[in-house]
N, C-alpha and C. Protein backbone atom coordinates (compact mmCIF):
# COMPACT_ATOMS: atom_id res chain seq x y z
N MET A 1 53.23 64.79 -36.20
CA MET A 1 53.49 65.42 -34.91
C MET A 1 54.97 65.27 -34.60
N PRO A 2 55.68 66.36 -34.27
CA PRO A 2 57.10 66.25 -33.97
C PRO A 2 57.33 65.54 -32.65
N LEU A 3 58.50 64.92 -32.56
CA LEU A 3 58.89 64.22 -31.35
C LEU A 3 59.61 65.19 -30.43
N LEU A 4 59.70 64.86 -29.16
CA LEU A 4 60.44 65.67 -28.23
C LEU A 4 61.93 65.53 -28.48
N SER A 5 62.65 66.63 -28.30
CA SER A 5 64.10 66.55 -28.41
C SER A 5 64.66 65.92 -27.14
N ARG A 6 65.88 65.46 -27.20
CA ARG A 6 66.55 64.89 -26.04
C ARG A 6 66.59 65.92 -24.91
N ASP A 7 66.83 67.20 -25.26
CA ASP A 7 66.87 68.25 -24.25
C ASP A 7 65.50 68.46 -23.61
N GLU A 8 64.44 68.42 -24.42
CA GLU A 8 63.11 68.64 -23.89
C GLU A 8 62.71 67.52 -22.94
N VAL A 9 63.01 66.29 -23.32
CA VAL A 9 62.68 65.16 -22.46
C VAL A 9 63.46 65.24 -21.16
N GLY A 10 64.73 65.61 -21.25
CA GLY A 10 65.56 65.69 -20.07
C GLY A 10 65.31 66.95 -19.25
N GLY A 11 64.55 67.86 -19.79
CA GLY A 11 64.20 69.05 -19.06
C GLY A 11 65.31 70.08 -18.98
N SER A 12 66.28 70.03 -19.88
CA SER A 12 67.40 70.95 -19.76
C SER A 12 67.25 72.18 -20.65
N GLY A 13 66.04 72.44 -21.15
CA GLY A 13 65.85 73.72 -21.80
C GLY A 13 65.33 73.71 -23.20
N SER A 14 66.07 73.25 -24.18
CA SER A 14 65.70 73.38 -25.58
C SER A 14 64.36 72.74 -25.88
N MET A 15 63.57 73.39 -26.71
CA MET A 15 62.27 72.85 -27.09
C MET A 15 62.28 72.45 -28.56
N ALA A 16 63.45 72.30 -29.17
CA ALA A 16 63.54 71.96 -30.58
C ALA A 16 63.03 70.55 -30.83
N PRO A 17 62.04 70.39 -31.72
CA PRO A 17 61.54 69.05 -31.99
C PRO A 17 62.51 68.25 -32.84
N VAL A 18 62.45 66.94 -32.67
CA VAL A 18 63.20 66.03 -33.52
C VAL A 18 62.21 65.50 -34.53
N THR A 19 62.46 65.72 -35.81
CA THR A 19 61.55 65.21 -36.83
C THR A 19 62.18 64.03 -37.51
N ARG A 20 61.37 63.30 -38.26
CA ARG A 20 61.83 62.07 -38.89
C ARG A 20 63.03 62.28 -39.79
N GLY A 21 63.15 63.42 -40.43
CA GLY A 21 64.24 63.65 -41.38
C GLY A 21 65.56 64.02 -40.73
N ASP A 22 65.57 64.25 -39.41
CA ASP A 22 66.79 64.71 -38.74
C ASP A 22 67.85 63.63 -38.58
N LEU A 23 67.46 62.37 -38.57
CA LEU A 23 68.38 61.28 -38.31
C LEU A 23 68.18 60.17 -39.33
N THR A 24 69.14 59.28 -39.39
CA THR A 24 69.04 58.13 -40.29
C THR A 24 67.76 57.36 -39.99
N PRO A 25 66.98 57.01 -41.01
CA PRO A 25 65.72 56.31 -40.76
C PRO A 25 65.95 54.89 -40.23
N PRO A 26 65.00 54.38 -39.46
CA PRO A 26 65.08 53.00 -38.97
C PRO A 26 65.11 52.02 -40.13
N ILE A 27 65.71 50.87 -39.89
CA ILE A 27 65.85 49.85 -40.93
C ILE A 27 64.74 48.82 -40.79
N LYS A 28 64.10 48.52 -41.90
CA LYS A 28 63.02 47.52 -41.93
C LYS A 28 63.62 46.15 -42.20
N ASP A 29 64.20 45.58 -41.16
CA ASP A 29 64.86 44.27 -41.25
C ASP A 29 64.16 43.33 -40.28
N GLY A 30 63.35 42.43 -40.82
CA GLY A 30 62.62 41.49 -39.98
C GLY A 30 63.41 40.25 -39.62
N GLU A 31 64.66 40.20 -40.04
CA GLU A 31 65.48 39.02 -39.80
C GLU A 31 66.28 39.08 -38.50
N ARG A 32 66.63 40.30 -38.06
CA ARG A 32 67.45 40.40 -36.86
C ARG A 32 67.13 41.67 -36.09
N GLU A 33 67.37 41.59 -34.79
CA GLU A 33 67.17 42.75 -33.93
C GLU A 33 68.22 43.81 -34.25
N ARG A 34 67.82 45.04 -34.12
CA ARG A 34 68.71 46.17 -34.37
C ARG A 34 68.66 47.12 -33.18
N PRO A 35 69.65 47.98 -33.05
CA PRO A 35 69.59 49.00 -31.99
C PRO A 35 68.38 49.92 -32.21
N VAL A 36 67.87 50.47 -31.14
CA VAL A 36 66.75 51.41 -31.23
C VAL A 36 67.26 52.68 -31.91
N PRO A 37 66.63 53.11 -33.00
CA PRO A 37 67.08 54.32 -33.70
C PRO A 37 67.04 55.54 -32.80
N GLU A 38 68.00 56.41 -32.99
CA GLU A 38 68.10 57.63 -32.18
C GLU A 38 66.85 58.48 -32.25
N VAL A 39 66.20 58.51 -33.39
CA VAL A 39 65.02 59.36 -33.55
C VAL A 39 63.88 58.97 -32.60
N TRP A 40 63.83 57.72 -32.16
CA TRP A 40 62.78 57.26 -31.25
C TRP A 40 63.14 57.44 -29.78
N ARG A 41 64.40 57.58 -29.48
CA ARG A 41 64.86 57.52 -28.10
C ARG A 41 64.25 58.59 -27.19
N PRO A 42 64.10 59.83 -27.62
CA PRO A 42 63.47 60.82 -26.73
C PRO A 42 62.04 60.44 -26.34
N THR A 43 61.27 59.93 -27.28
CA THR A 43 59.89 59.56 -26.97
C THR A 43 59.86 58.33 -26.07
N LEU A 44 60.67 57.34 -26.36
CA LEU A 44 60.72 56.15 -25.50
C LEU A 44 61.21 56.52 -24.10
N SER A 45 62.16 57.42 -24.02
CA SER A 45 62.64 57.89 -22.72
C SER A 45 61.53 58.60 -21.95
N ALA A 46 60.73 59.38 -22.63
CA ALA A 46 59.61 60.09 -21.98
C ALA A 46 58.57 59.11 -21.46
N ILE A 47 58.34 58.02 -22.18
CA ILE A 47 57.41 56.98 -21.71
C ILE A 47 57.96 56.37 -20.41
N VAL A 48 59.24 56.06 -20.41
CA VAL A 48 59.86 55.48 -19.21
C VAL A 48 59.79 56.47 -18.05
N GLU A 49 60.00 57.75 -18.31
CA GLU A 49 59.91 58.74 -17.25
C GLU A 49 58.50 58.78 -16.67
N SER A 50 57.49 58.60 -17.50
CA SER A 50 56.11 58.53 -17.02
C SER A 50 55.92 57.32 -16.10
N LEU A 51 56.50 56.19 -16.49
CA LEU A 51 56.45 55.00 -15.63
C LEU A 51 57.19 55.25 -14.31
N ALA A 52 58.34 55.88 -14.37
CA ALA A 52 59.13 56.15 -13.18
C ALA A 52 58.38 57.08 -12.22
N ARG A 53 57.59 57.99 -12.76
CA ARG A 53 56.78 58.89 -11.92
C ARG A 53 55.53 58.20 -11.38
N GLU A 54 55.27 56.99 -11.91
CA GLU A 54 54.07 56.23 -11.56
C GLU A 54 52.80 56.98 -11.94
N ASP A 55 52.82 57.61 -13.12
CA ASP A 55 51.63 58.29 -13.61
C ASP A 55 50.47 57.32 -13.67
N VAL A 56 49.29 57.76 -13.26
CA VAL A 56 48.11 56.89 -13.26
C VAL A 56 47.82 56.39 -14.67
N ILE A 57 47.91 57.28 -15.65
CA ILE A 57 47.80 56.89 -17.06
C ILE A 57 49.17 57.16 -17.69
N VAL A 58 49.81 56.12 -18.14
CA VAL A 58 51.17 56.21 -18.66
C VAL A 58 51.21 57.03 -19.95
N ALA A 59 52.17 57.93 -20.02
CA ALA A 59 52.52 58.68 -21.23
C ALA A 59 51.42 59.59 -21.75
N THR A 60 50.54 60.04 -20.89
CA THR A 60 49.44 60.92 -21.32
C THR A 60 49.95 62.17 -22.02
N GLU A 61 51.01 62.74 -21.53
CA GLU A 61 51.53 64.01 -22.05
C GLU A 61 52.62 63.85 -23.11
N VAL A 62 52.86 62.65 -23.59
CA VAL A 62 53.96 62.42 -24.52
C VAL A 62 53.44 62.46 -25.97
N PRO A 63 53.88 63.46 -26.74
CA PRO A 63 53.41 63.56 -28.14
C PRO A 63 53.77 62.31 -28.94
N GLY A 64 52.83 61.88 -29.78
CA GLY A 64 53.05 60.75 -30.66
C GLY A 64 52.69 59.41 -30.06
N VAL A 65 52.39 59.37 -28.77
CA VAL A 65 52.06 58.11 -28.10
C VAL A 65 50.54 57.93 -28.13
N GLU A 66 50.11 56.79 -28.64
CA GLU A 66 48.68 56.48 -28.67
C GLU A 66 48.16 56.40 -27.23
N PRO A 67 46.92 56.78 -27.01
CA PRO A 67 46.38 56.73 -25.64
C PRO A 67 46.55 55.35 -25.01
N VAL A 68 47.00 55.36 -23.76
CA VAL A 68 47.18 54.13 -22.99
C VAL A 68 46.00 54.02 -22.04
N SER A 69 45.35 52.88 -22.04
CA SER A 69 44.19 52.70 -21.17
C SER A 69 44.60 52.67 -19.71
N GLU A 70 43.64 52.94 -18.85
CA GLU A 70 43.90 52.86 -17.41
C GLU A 70 44.29 51.43 -17.03
N ALA A 71 43.62 50.44 -17.63
CA ALA A 71 43.92 49.04 -17.32
C ALA A 71 45.35 48.67 -17.73
N LEU A 72 45.78 49.10 -18.91
CA LEU A 72 47.15 48.80 -19.35
C LEU A 72 48.17 49.53 -18.49
N SER A 73 47.88 50.78 -18.17
CA SER A 73 48.78 51.53 -17.29
C SER A 73 48.94 50.80 -15.96
N GLU A 74 47.83 50.33 -15.42
CA GLU A 74 47.86 49.61 -14.15
C GLU A 74 48.69 48.33 -14.27
N MET A 75 48.54 47.61 -15.37
CA MET A 75 49.32 46.38 -15.58
C MET A 75 50.82 46.68 -15.64
N CYS A 76 51.19 47.76 -16.32
CA CYS A 76 52.60 48.14 -16.42
C CYS A 76 53.16 48.50 -15.05
N LEU A 77 52.41 49.30 -14.29
CA LEU A 77 52.87 49.70 -12.97
C LEU A 77 52.91 48.52 -12.00
N GLU A 78 51.96 47.59 -12.13
CA GLU A 78 51.96 46.39 -11.30
C GLU A 78 53.18 45.52 -11.59
N ALA A 79 53.57 45.43 -12.86
CA ALA A 79 54.76 44.64 -13.21
C ALA A 79 55.99 45.19 -12.52
N VAL A 80 56.09 46.51 -12.46
CA VAL A 80 57.22 47.14 -11.77
C VAL A 80 57.14 46.85 -10.27
N ALA A 81 55.96 47.00 -9.70
CA ALA A 81 55.78 46.75 -8.26
C ALA A 81 56.08 45.29 -7.90
N GLU A 82 55.63 44.37 -8.74
CA GLU A 82 55.84 42.94 -8.48
C GLU A 82 57.30 42.53 -8.64
N TYR A 83 58.06 43.31 -9.39
CA TYR A 83 59.48 43.02 -9.53
C TYR A 83 60.16 43.12 -8.16
N GLY A 84 59.63 44.00 -7.33
CA GLY A 84 60.02 44.02 -5.93
C GLY A 84 61.04 45.03 -5.49
N GLY A 85 60.60 45.98 -4.68
CA GLY A 85 61.49 46.89 -3.98
C GLY A 85 62.41 47.73 -4.83
N ILE A 86 61.94 48.16 -5.98
CA ILE A 86 62.79 48.95 -6.87
C ILE A 86 62.15 50.30 -7.17
N THR A 87 62.99 51.19 -7.62
CA THR A 87 62.54 52.49 -8.10
C THR A 87 63.05 52.66 -9.52
N LEU A 88 62.13 52.76 -10.49
CA LEU A 88 62.56 53.01 -11.86
C LEU A 88 63.18 54.39 -11.95
N VAL A 89 64.18 54.51 -12.81
CA VAL A 89 64.84 55.80 -13.03
C VAL A 89 64.81 56.11 -14.53
N PRO A 90 64.98 57.39 -14.89
CA PRO A 90 65.08 57.73 -16.31
C PRO A 90 66.21 56.94 -16.97
N LEU A 91 66.05 56.69 -18.24
CA LEU A 91 67.03 55.87 -18.96
C LEU A 91 68.36 56.59 -19.11
N PRO A 92 69.45 55.93 -18.72
CA PRO A 92 70.77 56.50 -18.99
C PRO A 92 71.15 56.22 -20.45
N LYS A 93 72.18 56.87 -20.90
CA LYS A 93 72.65 56.65 -22.27
C LYS A 93 72.96 55.17 -22.53
N ASP A 94 73.46 54.47 -21.51
CA ASP A 94 73.82 53.05 -21.66
C ASP A 94 72.61 52.16 -21.97
N ALA A 95 71.42 52.64 -21.69
CA ALA A 95 70.22 51.83 -21.96
C ALA A 95 70.12 51.47 -23.44
N TRP A 96 70.63 52.32 -24.30
CA TRP A 96 70.51 52.08 -25.74
C TRP A 96 71.52 51.06 -26.25
N ASP A 97 72.48 50.68 -25.41
CA ASP A 97 73.45 49.65 -25.80
C ASP A 97 72.80 48.27 -25.85
N THR A 98 71.72 48.06 -25.10
CA THR A 98 71.10 46.74 -25.01
C THR A 98 69.64 46.71 -25.45
N SER A 99 69.02 47.86 -25.62
CA SER A 99 67.63 47.90 -26.08
C SER A 99 67.60 47.65 -27.59
N VAL A 100 66.55 46.99 -28.06
CA VAL A 100 66.52 46.56 -29.46
C VAL A 100 65.15 46.81 -30.09
N CYS A 101 65.15 46.74 -31.43
CA CYS A 101 63.89 46.77 -32.18
C CYS A 101 63.97 45.75 -33.31
N LEU A 102 62.79 45.33 -33.75
CA LEU A 102 62.70 44.35 -34.84
C LEU A 102 61.50 44.69 -35.71
N TRP A 103 61.71 44.77 -37.01
CA TRP A 103 60.64 45.06 -37.96
C TRP A 103 59.68 43.88 -37.99
N GLN A 104 58.37 44.17 -37.89
CA GLN A 104 57.34 43.13 -37.85
C GLN A 104 56.42 43.17 -39.07
N GLY A 105 56.86 43.80 -40.16
CA GLY A 105 56.07 43.83 -41.39
C GLY A 105 55.25 45.09 -41.56
N ASP A 106 54.68 45.61 -40.46
CA ASP A 106 53.91 46.85 -40.52
C ASP A 106 54.28 47.80 -39.38
N ARG A 107 55.23 47.39 -38.55
CA ARG A 107 55.65 48.18 -37.39
C ARG A 107 56.96 47.60 -36.86
N TRP A 108 57.60 48.38 -36.00
CA TRP A 108 58.76 47.88 -35.28
C TRP A 108 58.33 47.56 -33.86
N GLN A 109 58.79 46.43 -33.34
CA GLN A 109 58.60 46.12 -31.94
C GLN A 109 59.90 46.52 -31.23
N CYS A 110 59.78 47.35 -30.20
CA CYS A 110 60.94 47.79 -29.43
C CYS A 110 60.88 47.20 -28.04
N LEU A 111 61.99 46.68 -27.60
CA LEU A 111 62.15 46.23 -26.22
C LEU A 111 63.21 47.12 -25.58
N VAL A 112 62.75 47.96 -24.67
CA VAL A 112 63.63 48.93 -24.02
C VAL A 112 63.96 48.41 -22.62
N ASP A 113 65.24 48.18 -22.37
CA ASP A 113 65.67 47.74 -21.05
C ASP A 113 65.44 48.85 -20.04
N LEU A 114 64.82 48.49 -18.90
CA LEU A 114 64.54 49.46 -17.86
C LEU A 114 65.65 49.46 -16.82
N TRP A 115 65.79 50.58 -16.13
CA TRP A 115 66.85 50.79 -15.15
C TRP A 115 66.25 51.19 -13.82
N THR A 116 66.91 50.77 -12.75
CA THR A 116 66.44 51.09 -11.40
C THR A 116 67.54 51.78 -10.60
N ALA A 117 67.10 52.48 -9.56
CA ALA A 117 68.06 53.13 -8.66
C ALA A 117 68.89 52.10 -7.91
N GLN A 118 68.30 50.92 -7.66
CA GLN A 118 68.96 49.90 -6.85
C GLN A 118 70.00 49.07 -7.61
N GLU A 119 69.70 48.74 -8.85
CA GLU A 119 70.58 47.80 -9.54
C GLU A 119 71.03 48.21 -10.93
N GLY A 120 70.71 49.41 -11.35
CA GLY A 120 71.03 49.80 -12.72
C GLY A 120 70.09 49.05 -13.67
N ARG A 121 70.66 48.50 -14.74
CA ARG A 121 69.81 47.76 -15.69
C ARG A 121 69.20 46.56 -14.97
N CYS A 122 67.89 46.41 -15.13
CA CYS A 122 67.21 45.27 -14.50
C CYS A 122 66.64 44.36 -15.59
N ASP A 123 65.91 43.34 -15.18
CA ASP A 123 65.36 42.38 -16.13
C ASP A 123 64.09 42.86 -16.82
N LEU A 124 63.46 43.92 -16.29
CA LEU A 124 62.22 44.43 -16.89
C LEU A 124 62.49 45.13 -18.22
N VAL A 125 61.54 44.98 -19.13
CA VAL A 125 61.60 45.71 -20.40
C VAL A 125 60.27 46.41 -20.63
N LEU A 126 60.34 47.50 -21.36
CA LEU A 126 59.16 48.18 -21.87
C LEU A 126 59.00 47.73 -23.31
N ASP A 127 57.83 47.19 -23.64
CA ASP A 127 57.52 46.71 -24.99
C ASP A 127 56.63 47.76 -25.66
N VAL A 128 57.13 48.34 -26.74
CA VAL A 128 56.42 49.40 -27.46
C VAL A 128 56.47 49.10 -28.95
N ASP A 129 55.34 49.26 -29.64
CA ASP A 129 55.33 49.19 -31.10
C ASP A 129 55.47 50.59 -31.65
N VAL A 130 56.25 50.73 -32.74
CA VAL A 130 56.45 52.01 -33.40
C VAL A 130 55.95 51.88 -34.83
N PHE A 131 55.04 52.78 -35.20
CA PHE A 131 54.44 52.78 -36.53
C PHE A 131 54.91 54.03 -37.27
N GLU A 132 55.17 53.86 -38.56
CA GLU A 132 55.54 54.98 -39.41
C GLU A 132 54.27 55.61 -39.95
N ASP A 133 54.21 56.94 -39.96
CA ASP A 133 53.10 57.62 -40.63
C ASP A 133 53.60 58.89 -41.30
N ASP A 134 52.72 59.60 -41.96
CA ASP A 134 53.12 60.77 -42.74
C ASP A 134 53.79 61.87 -41.91
N SER A 135 53.43 61.96 -40.64
CA SER A 135 53.98 63.02 -39.80
C SER A 135 55.18 62.57 -38.98
N GLY A 136 55.57 61.32 -39.09
CA GLY A 136 56.70 60.82 -38.32
C GLY A 136 56.44 59.42 -37.82
N TYR A 137 56.32 59.28 -36.51
CA TYR A 137 56.14 57.97 -35.90
C TYR A 137 55.05 58.04 -34.83
N ARG A 138 54.34 56.94 -34.68
CA ARG A 138 53.36 56.75 -33.61
C ARG A 138 53.85 55.62 -32.74
N TYR A 139 53.60 55.74 -31.45
CA TYR A 139 54.08 54.77 -30.47
C TYR A 139 52.90 54.16 -29.75
N SER A 140 52.92 52.85 -29.60
CA SER A 140 51.85 52.14 -28.90
C SER A 140 52.48 51.30 -27.79
N VAL A 141 52.18 51.66 -26.55
CA VAL A 141 52.73 50.94 -25.40
C VAL A 141 52.00 49.60 -25.30
N ASN A 142 52.77 48.52 -25.20
CA ASN A 142 52.20 47.18 -25.07
C ASN A 142 52.19 46.68 -23.63
N LEU A 143 53.35 46.70 -22.98
CA LEU A 143 53.43 46.13 -21.64
C LEU A 143 54.82 46.34 -21.06
N VAL A 144 54.94 46.19 -19.76
CA VAL A 144 56.22 46.08 -19.07
C VAL A 144 56.26 44.67 -18.50
N TYR A 145 57.36 43.97 -18.72
CA TYR A 145 57.46 42.58 -18.25
C TYR A 145 58.91 42.12 -18.22
N VAL A 146 59.13 40.95 -17.66
CA VAL A 146 60.43 40.29 -17.69
C VAL A 146 60.36 39.25 -18.80
N PRO A 147 61.17 39.41 -19.85
CA PRO A 147 61.12 38.43 -20.95
C PRO A 147 61.63 37.06 -20.54
């Protein structure tokens, strides 16, 4: 399944999919954290946009994302609410300067720094596992929390 392009996620028009072959592949290095590969960023951004909209079920409409349960969606939204008096915003380009991934032997664990209208980058992270498959990548939302 193709991923959303940066333009499609941002809503600025283009519907061109980003496929796995378009960008340098992620590195399977379990020894150190690495920057989040560009090929994943549109999908991870779309997940964050779903959180920012406070969708009842997170990322329902995002291609490549495994179904998120109502209970997990509620836990993610509660973590944001408990952080206190903030409004999540779509990820700015700067979010990728501090967000990281680490190869876990069969998947990458990504920690995406979240941003708010009130303070910019905040302490909350979105934890997502990324799996490689024949059609590209699959994403599994784990949780939103303060590490």
